[in-house]
């Protein structure tokens, strides 16, 4: 791999990648969103990566998943 093959990652690129991962997880959820543990775990992991790279999880996750994360945090 040469140096010309490397592309710097910008915030927008990472945000688009996270949205793609999130969309794929939503489309492949065979429970239809009924498995709360799966949804909250996946949303938590994705939001952790978003925060790590300086992206607001609200830019990546749907409002209902943000609410689920808040609900889970309140019960801990």
N, C-alpha and C. Protein backbone atom coordinates (compact mmCIF):
# COMPACT_ATOMS: atom_id res chain seq x y z
N UNK A 1 0.84 -1.17 0.00
CA UNK A 1 0.00 0.00 0.00
C UNK A 1 0.89 1.24 0.00
N UNK A 2 0.63 2.12 -0.92
CA UNK A 2 1.42 3.35 -0.98
C UNK A 2 0.72 4.45 -0.19
N UNK A 3 1.45 5.50 0.06
CA UNK A 3 0.90 6.63 0.81
C UNK A 3 -0.26 7.27 0.06
N UNK A 4 -0.30 7.15 -1.25
CA UNK A 4 -1.40 7.75 -2.02
C UNK A 4 -2.70 6.96 -1.86
N UNK A 5 -2.61 5.73 -1.35
CA UNK A 5 -3.81 4.93 -1.13
C UNK A 5 -4.52 5.30 0.16
N UNK A 6 -3.84 6.00 1.03
CA UNK A 6 -4.42 6.34 2.32
C UNK A 6 -5.30 7.58 2.19
N UNK A 7 -6.44 7.53 2.81
CA UNK A 7 -7.36 8.67 2.81
C UNK A 7 -7.54 9.14 4.24
N UNK A 8 -7.35 10.41 4.49
CA UNK A 8 -7.60 10.88 5.86
C UNK A 8 -9.09 10.77 6.19
N UNK A 9 -9.35 10.37 7.42
CA UNK A 9 -10.73 10.25 7.85
C UNK A 9 -11.17 11.56 8.48
N UNK A 10 -12.22 12.11 7.93
CA UNK A 10 -12.80 13.33 8.47
C UNK A 10 -14.06 12.97 9.24
N UNK A 11 -14.48 13.87 10.07
CA UNK A 11 -15.65 13.66 10.92
C UNK A 11 -16.86 13.21 10.10
N UNK A 12 -17.10 13.85 8.97
CA UNK A 12 -18.25 13.52 8.13
C UNK A 12 -18.15 12.09 7.58
N UNK A 13 -16.92 11.68 7.23
CA UNK A 13 -16.71 10.32 6.74
C UNK A 13 -17.05 9.29 7.81
N UNK A 14 -16.59 9.56 9.02
CA UNK A 14 -16.83 8.64 10.13
C UNK A 14 -18.32 8.62 10.46
N UNK A 15 -18.96 9.79 10.45
CA UNK A 15 -20.39 9.85 10.73
C UNK A 15 -21.18 9.04 9.70
N UNK A 16 -20.81 9.15 8.43
CA UNK A 16 -21.49 8.37 7.38
C UNK A 16 -21.27 6.87 7.58
N UNK A 17 -20.07 6.49 7.99
CA UNK A 17 -19.79 5.08 8.24
C UNK A 17 -20.63 4.56 9.40
N UNK A 18 -20.75 5.35 10.47
CA UNK A 18 -21.56 4.94 11.61
C UNK A 18 -23.04 4.84 11.25
N UNK A 19 -23.52 5.78 10.45
CA UNK A 19 -24.91 5.72 10.00
C UNK A 19 -25.15 4.48 9.15
N UNK A 20 -24.18 4.13 8.31
CA UNK A 20 -24.31 2.91 7.50
C UNK A 20 -24.38 1.66 8.37
N UNK A 21 -23.54 1.60 9.38
CA UNK A 21 -23.55 0.46 10.31
C UNK A 21 -24.89 0.41 11.04
N UNK A 22 -25.35 1.56 11.49
CA UNK A 22 -26.61 1.64 12.22
C UNK A 22 -27.78 1.21 11.33
N UNK A 23 -27.80 1.69 10.11
CA UNK A 23 -28.86 1.33 9.17
C UNK A 23 -28.88 -0.18 8.93
N UNK A 24 -27.71 -0.74 8.74
CA UNK A 24 -27.62 -2.19 8.51
C UNK A 24 -28.13 -2.96 9.72
N UNK A 25 -27.81 -2.50 10.92
CA UNK A 25 -28.28 -3.20 12.11
C UNK A 25 -29.80 -3.10 12.23
N UNK A 26 -30.37 -1.97 11.87
CA UNK A 26 -31.82 -1.80 11.92
C UNK A 26 -32.50 -2.71 10.90
N UNK A 27 -31.91 -2.84 9.74
CA UNK A 27 -32.50 -3.65 8.68
C UNK A 27 -32.36 -5.15 8.97
N UNK A 28 -31.33 -5.53 9.71
CA UNK A 28 -31.10 -6.95 9.97
C UNK A 28 -31.68 -7.41 11.30
N UNK A 29 -32.36 -6.53 12.01
CA UNK A 29 -32.96 -6.90 13.30
C UNK A 29 -34.18 -7.78 13.05
N UNK A 30 -34.00 -9.08 13.18
CA UNK A 30 -35.08 -10.03 12.88
C UNK A 30 -36.22 -9.98 13.91
N UNK A 31 -35.99 -9.32 15.04
CA UNK A 31 -37.04 -9.24 16.05
C UNK A 31 -37.98 -8.06 15.80
N UNK A 32 -37.67 -7.27 14.78
CA UNK A 32 -38.51 -6.10 14.52
C UNK A 32 -38.40 -5.03 15.58
N UNK A 33 -37.27 -4.97 16.25
CA UNK A 33 -37.05 -3.96 17.28
C UNK A 33 -37.63 -4.33 18.63
N UNK A 34 -38.11 -5.56 18.78
CA UNK A 34 -38.73 -5.97 20.03
C UNK A 34 -37.73 -6.43 21.08
N UNK A 35 -36.51 -6.76 20.68
CA UNK A 35 -35.49 -7.20 21.62
C UNK A 35 -34.78 -5.96 22.18
N UNK A 36 -35.26 -5.50 23.31
CA UNK A 36 -34.76 -4.27 23.91
C UNK A 36 -33.28 -4.36 24.30
N UNK A 37 -32.85 -5.53 24.76
CA UNK A 37 -31.45 -5.70 25.15
C UNK A 37 -30.53 -5.57 23.94
N UNK A 38 -30.92 -6.17 22.82
CA UNK A 38 -30.12 -6.07 21.59
C UNK A 38 -30.05 -4.62 21.13
N UNK A 39 -31.21 -3.98 21.07
CA UNK A 39 -31.25 -2.59 20.60
C UNK A 39 -30.42 -1.67 21.47
N UNK A 40 -30.58 -1.79 22.79
CA UNK A 40 -29.85 -0.88 23.68
C UNK A 40 -28.36 -1.18 23.66
N UNK A 41 -27.99 -2.46 23.56
CA UNK A 41 -26.57 -2.81 23.50
C UNK A 41 -25.91 -2.30 22.24
N UNK A 42 -26.59 -2.47 21.11
CA UNK A 42 -26.03 -2.01 19.85
C UNK A 42 -25.95 -0.48 19.83
N UNK A 43 -27.01 0.18 20.27
CA UNK A 43 -27.02 1.64 20.31
C UNK A 43 -25.94 2.17 21.25
N UNK A 44 -25.75 1.50 22.35
CA UNK A 44 -24.72 1.89 23.31
C UNK A 44 -23.32 1.77 22.71
N UNK A 45 -23.07 0.66 22.05
CA UNK A 45 -21.75 0.46 21.43
C UNK A 45 -21.50 1.49 20.33
N UNK A 46 -22.50 1.71 19.49
CA UNK A 46 -22.32 2.66 18.39
C UNK A 46 -22.16 4.09 18.92
N UNK A 47 -22.92 4.45 19.95
CA UNK A 47 -22.79 5.79 20.50
C UNK A 47 -21.43 5.98 21.18
N UNK A 48 -20.89 4.92 21.76
CA UNK A 48 -19.56 5.00 22.37
C UNK A 48 -18.49 5.32 21.33
N UNK A 49 -18.59 4.67 20.17
CA UNK A 49 -17.64 4.95 19.09
C UNK A 49 -17.84 6.38 18.60
N UNK A 50 -19.09 6.81 18.45
CA UNK A 50 -19.37 8.17 18.00
C UNK A 50 -18.76 9.20 18.96
N UNK A 51 -18.98 9.00 20.23
CA UNK A 51 -18.43 9.94 21.23
C UNK A 51 -16.90 9.95 21.18
N UNK A 52 -16.31 8.77 21.01
CA UNK A 52 -14.86 8.67 20.97
C UNK A 52 -14.26 9.52 19.85
N UNK A 53 -14.96 9.60 18.71
CA UNK A 53 -14.41 10.35 17.58
C UNK A 53 -15.01 11.75 17.47
N UNK A 54 -15.76 12.16 18.50
CA UNK A 54 -16.26 13.52 18.56
C UNK A 54 -17.55 13.78 17.82
N UNK A 55 -18.37 12.75 17.68
CA UNK A 55 -19.65 12.89 16.98
C UNK A 55 -20.77 12.72 18.00
N UNK A 56 -21.75 13.60 17.95
CA UNK A 56 -22.91 13.51 18.82
C UNK A 56 -23.72 12.28 18.41
N UNK A 57 -23.99 11.35 19.32
CA UNK A 57 -24.76 10.15 18.98
C UNK A 57 -26.13 10.48 18.37
N UNK A 58 -26.68 11.64 18.70
CA UNK A 58 -27.95 12.05 18.12
C UNK A 58 -27.89 12.27 16.62
N UNK A 59 -26.69 12.45 16.09
CA UNK A 59 -26.53 12.59 14.65
C UNK A 59 -26.55 11.24 13.95
N UNK A 60 -26.37 10.17 14.70
CA UNK A 60 -26.25 8.83 14.14
C UNK A 60 -27.47 7.98 14.44
N UNK A 61 -27.94 8.03 15.67
CA UNK A 61 -29.02 7.15 16.12
C UNK A 61 -30.39 7.81 15.96
N UNK A 62 -31.41 6.96 15.82
CA UNK A 62 -32.79 7.45 15.77
C UNK A 62 -33.21 7.94 17.15
N UNK A 63 -34.13 8.89 17.20
CA UNK A 63 -34.57 9.43 18.51
C UNK A 63 -35.08 8.35 19.46
N UNK A 64 -35.74 7.32 18.95
CA UNK A 64 -36.25 6.27 19.85
C UNK A 64 -35.11 5.47 20.48
N UNK A 65 -33.99 5.35 19.78
CA UNK A 65 -32.84 4.64 20.37
C UNK A 65 -32.10 5.53 21.37
N UNK A 66 -32.08 6.82 21.13
CA UNK A 66 -31.51 7.76 22.12
C UNK A 66 -32.35 7.69 23.40
N UNK A 67 -33.68 7.68 23.24
CA UNK A 67 -34.57 7.58 24.40
C UNK A 67 -34.36 6.26 25.14
N UNK A 68 -34.14 5.18 24.39
CA UNK A 68 -33.87 3.88 25.01
C UNK A 68 -32.58 3.92 25.81
N UNK A 69 -31.54 4.57 25.29
CA UNK A 69 -30.28 4.68 26.02
C UNK A 69 -30.49 5.47 27.30
N UNK A 70 -31.27 6.54 27.23
CA UNK A 70 -31.53 7.34 28.43
C UNK A 70 -32.31 6.53 29.46
N UNK A 71 -33.27 5.77 28.98
CA UNK A 71 -34.07 4.93 29.86
C UNK A 71 -33.20 3.89 30.56
N UNK A 72 -32.33 3.27 29.81
CA UNK A 72 -31.42 2.25 30.38
C UNK A 72 -30.45 2.88 31.37
N UNK A 73 -29.99 4.09 31.08
CA UNK A 73 -29.06 4.78 31.99
C UNK A 73 -29.76 5.15 33.30
N UNK A 74 -31.04 5.49 33.21
CA UNK A 74 -31.78 5.87 34.41
C UNK A 74 -32.04 4.68 35.34
N UNK A 75 -32.08 3.48 34.77
CA UNK A 75 -32.35 2.29 35.58
C UNK A 75 -31.10 1.69 36.18
N UNK A 76 -29.93 2.18 35.77
CA UNK A 76 -28.68 1.63 36.27
C UNK A 76 -28.33 2.19 37.62
